[in-house]
Protein backbone atom coordinates (compact mmCIF):
# COMPACT_ATOMS: atom_id res chain seq x y z
CA MET A 1 -6.87 1.71 -14.46
CA ASN A 2 -5.16 5.08 -14.36
CA THR A 3 -1.60 3.85 -14.91
CA LEU A 4 1.51 5.96 -15.29
CA THR A 5 3.25 6.44 -18.62
CA ARG A 6 6.65 7.90 -19.42
CA THR A 7 5.00 11.22 -20.29
CA ASP A 8 3.71 11.48 -16.69
CA LEU A 9 7.23 11.42 -15.28
CA PHE A 10 9.76 14.17 -14.72
CA THR A 11 13.04 13.82 -16.57
CA LEU A 12 15.96 13.26 -14.22
CA GLU A 13 17.02 16.89 -14.62
CA ALA A 14 13.50 18.26 -14.07
CA TYR A 15 13.02 15.96 -11.07
CA ALA A 16 16.21 17.24 -9.47
CA SER A 17 14.67 20.73 -9.52
CA ALA A 18 11.15 19.69 -8.51
CA ARG A 19 12.05 16.95 -6.01
CA ALA A 20 11.75 18.89 -2.74
CA ALA A 21 8.32 20.32 -3.59
CA PHE A 22 7.08 17.03 -5.06
CA ARG A 23 8.30 15.09 -2.01
CA ALA A 24 6.52 17.51 0.35
CA LYS A 25 3.31 17.10 -1.68
CA VAL A 26 3.55 13.29 -1.50
CA ILE A 27 4.30 13.27 2.25
CA ALA A 28 1.21 15.42 2.89
CA HIS A 29 -0.84 13.18 0.59
CA LYS A 30 0.29 10.01 2.40
CA LYS A 31 -0.81 11.38 5.78
CA ASN A 32 -4.41 10.31 5.17
CA ARG A 33 -3.49 7.05 3.43
CA GLN A 34 -2.03 5.22 6.44
CA VAL A 35 -3.65 2.80 8.86
CA SER A 36 -1.84 1.42 11.91
CA LEU A 37 -2.64 -2.12 12.97
CA GLY A 38 -1.19 -2.15 16.43
CA GLU A 39 2.13 -0.71 17.41
CA HIS A 40 4.33 -2.39 14.79
CA ILE A 41 2.29 -2.94 11.62
CA ASN A 42 1.30 -0.16 9.27
CA LEU A 43 -0.58 -0.13 5.99
CA LEU A 44 0.27 2.56 3.45
CA PHE A 45 -2.42 2.70 0.78
CA GLU A 46 -0.92 3.36 -2.62
CA ASP A 47 -2.36 5.39 -5.46
CA ARG A 48 -1.12 7.00 -8.63
CA LEU A 49 0.71 9.82 -6.82
CA THR A 50 2.48 7.60 -4.27
CA ILE A 51 3.57 5.25 -7.04
CA GLN A 52 4.80 8.11 -9.22
CA TYR A 53 6.96 9.21 -6.31
CA GLN A 54 8.38 5.70 -5.91
CA VAL A 55 9.14 5.48 -9.63
CA GLN A 56 10.75 8.94 -9.68
CA GLU A 57 12.93 8.04 -6.71
CA MET A 58 13.97 4.74 -8.28
CA LEU A 59 14.89 6.45 -11.54
CA ARG A 60 16.86 9.10 -9.63
CA ILE A 61 18.74 6.66 -7.40
CA GLU A 62 19.54 4.23 -10.22
CA ARG A 63 20.17 7.01 -12.76
CA ILE A 64 17.75 5.38 -15.19
CA PHE A 65 17.07 7.42 -18.31
CA GLU A 66 16.80 4.91 -21.17
CA PRO A 67 13.21 4.50 -22.44
CA ASP A 68 13.11 0.68 -22.16
CA ALA A 69 14.47 0.74 -18.61
CA ILE A 70 11.95 3.42 -17.60
CA GLN A 71 9.14 1.32 -19.10
CA ASP A 72 10.34 -1.71 -17.11
CA GLU A 73 10.00 0.32 -13.89
CA LEU A 74 6.55 1.53 -14.91
CA ASP A 75 5.43 -2.00 -15.73
CA THR A 76 6.53 -3.13 -12.27
CA TYR A 77 5.11 -0.25 -10.25
CA ASN A 78 1.84 0.27 -12.17
CA ALA A 79 0.61 -3.02 -10.70
CA LEU A 80 0.48 -1.22 -7.31
CA ILE A 81 -2.04 1.41 -8.47
CA PRO A 82 -5.68 0.66 -7.54
CA THR A 83 -7.91 -0.27 -10.48
CA GLY A 84 -11.18 1.28 -9.28
CA HIS A 85 -12.64 -1.71 -7.45
CA ASN A 86 -9.79 -2.41 -5.05
CA LEU A 87 -7.36 -0.85 -2.62
CA LYS A 88 -3.66 -1.65 -2.71
CA ALA A 89 -1.37 -1.24 0.26
CA THR A 90 2.22 -1.68 1.29
CA MET A 91 2.28 -3.45 4.66
CA LEU A 92 5.26 -2.56 6.84
CA ILE A 93 6.23 -4.61 9.89
CA GLU A 94 8.40 -2.25 11.90
CA PHE A 95 10.50 -3.01 14.97
CA PRO A 96 13.30 -0.49 15.64
CA ASP A 97 15.49 -3.02 17.48
CA GLU A 98 17.14 -5.40 15.00
CA ALA A 99 17.23 -8.38 17.37
CA GLN A 100 13.55 -7.97 18.26
CA ARG A 101 12.71 -7.52 14.55
CA ARG A 102 14.32 -10.89 13.69
CA ILE A 103 12.38 -12.63 16.48
CA GLU A 104 9.07 -11.04 15.49
CA LEU A 105 9.48 -11.69 11.76
CA ALA A 106 10.09 -15.36 12.59
CA ARG A 107 7.05 -15.42 14.88
CA LEU A 108 4.72 -13.66 12.42
CA GLY A 109 5.30 -15.81 9.32
CA GLY A 110 2.24 -15.71 7.05
CA ILE A 111 0.57 -12.87 8.97
CA GLU A 112 0.12 -10.96 5.70
CA HIS A 113 -2.57 -13.49 4.70
CA ARG A 114 -4.64 -12.64 7.80
CA VAL A 115 -5.08 -8.92 7.10
CA TYR A 116 -8.63 -7.91 6.24
CA ALA A 117 -10.87 -5.01 5.32
CA GLU A 118 -14.24 -4.96 7.06
CA ILE A 119 -17.35 -3.15 5.93
CA GLU A 120 -20.29 -2.73 8.28
CA GLY A 121 -22.94 -5.33 7.53
CA LEU A 122 -20.97 -6.95 4.73
CA GLY A 123 -18.26 -8.81 6.60
CA ARG A 124 -14.57 -9.13 5.97
CA ALA A 125 -12.52 -9.30 2.78
CA PHE A 126 -9.09 -10.79 3.38
CA ALA A 127 -6.17 -9.29 1.50
CA ILE A 128 -4.50 -11.01 -1.40
CA ALA A 129 -0.84 -10.81 -0.44
CA ASP A 130 2.38 -10.69 -2.43
CA GLU A 131 1.11 -11.62 -5.88
CA ASP A 132 4.50 -10.94 -7.42
CA MET A 133 6.46 -13.30 -5.14
CA ASP A 134 6.15 -15.11 -1.84
CA ARG A 135 7.72 -13.09 0.96
CA SER A 136 7.22 -15.62 3.75
CA ASN A 137 8.70 -19.04 4.32
CA SER A 138 8.70 -21.57 7.14
CA GLU A 139 11.35 -19.57 9.01
CA LYS A 140 10.18 -15.97 8.75
CA THR A 141 8.15 -13.33 6.99
CA SER A 142 9.42 -10.22 5.24
CA ALA A 143 9.14 -6.78 6.82
CA VAL A 144 7.41 -5.52 3.64
CA HIS A 145 4.37 -7.00 1.89
CA PHE A 146 2.12 -5.84 -0.94
CA LEU A 147 -1.61 -6.32 -0.34
CA ARG A 148 -4.67 -6.05 -2.55
CA PHE A 149 -8.19 -5.75 -1.13
CA GLU A 150 -10.94 -6.52 -3.66
CA PHE A 151 -14.41 -4.99 -3.22
CA SER A 152 -17.73 -5.82 -4.85
CA ALA A 153 -20.04 -3.18 -6.29
CA GLU A 154 -22.29 -3.72 -3.24
CA GLN A 155 -19.40 -3.10 -0.83
CA ILE A 156 -18.30 0.04 -2.66
CA ALA A 157 -21.88 1.34 -2.66
CA ALA A 158 -22.12 0.68 1.10
CA LEU A 159 -18.88 2.58 1.69
CA ARG A 160 -20.14 5.53 -0.35
CA ALA A 161 -23.37 5.44 1.65
CA GLY A 162 -21.40 5.80 4.89
CA ALA A 163 -21.01 2.23 6.18
CA ASP A 164 -18.33 1.87 8.86
CA PHE A 165 -15.05 0.73 7.39
CA GLY A 166 -11.92 -0.67 8.95
CA PHE A 167 -8.92 -2.94 8.71
CA GLY A 168 -7.51 -5.56 10.98
CA ILE A 169 -5.57 -8.74 11.50
CA ASP A 170 -7.31 -11.94 12.57
CA ASP A 171 -4.69 -14.40 13.71
CA GLU A 172 -4.06 -16.20 17.00
CA ARG A 173 -0.67 -14.44 17.21
CA LEU A 174 -2.13 -10.99 16.68
CA ARG A 175 -5.72 -9.76 16.77
CA VAL A 176 -6.26 -6.12 16.07
CA GLY A 177 -8.95 -4.07 14.36
CA HIS A 178 -9.14 -0.40 13.52
CA THR A 179 -11.93 1.74 12.06
CA VAL A 180 -10.49 4.30 9.68
CA LYS A 181 -10.67 8.00 10.46
CA ARG A 182 -12.87 10.30 8.40
CA ASP A 183 -9.98 11.84 6.43
CA THR A 184 -8.47 8.42 5.69
CA ARG A 185 -11.86 7.13 4.63
CA ALA A 186 -12.30 10.03 2.20
CA ALA A 187 -8.82 9.48 0.74
CA LEU A 188 -9.42 5.76 0.23
CA LEU A 189 -12.91 6.21 -1.22
CA ALA A 190 -11.34 8.35 -3.95
CA ASP A 191 -9.59 5.18 -5.20
CA PHE A 192 -12.91 3.64 -6.29
CA CYS A 193 -14.43 4.39 -9.73
């Protein structure tokens, strides 16, 4: 796994100078790492660069500069970097209206366990959701979930050979599927060893 270390990070002072350019680079990079599952659910596929940005922003906001505290952040966020045989995504459930959001989060409890990746001829692989903590209960789900999609060597080989590839949700409350665009596919394939 290509994890981040303290030497990969900007110091707070250096980040203050580089932030605008680094942020623009990350925003452009994220463009091909997003998959919409319907109107209100989006997957943002993480990688080393997106996680570095999150760590840098956390250090900046919290004014963290002590080595042990920086390492704690790295230990937390490095778990979100793909390991070469998986994809990792942040799932965002987004409703602009607060009242509607509360209703939908209550209605969609557990939906994060019904998200899948599908590879032509090889079926579906359901995401492993929220390994760090449960974000759903009997009353509602969270608006943010962390998903891991594991792939076999056969599945990765099929993807590299051009098999159709998509993501979806298979649940009686919401059924949606989406084949990824060429640019997104290329970006995600780069996450495999």
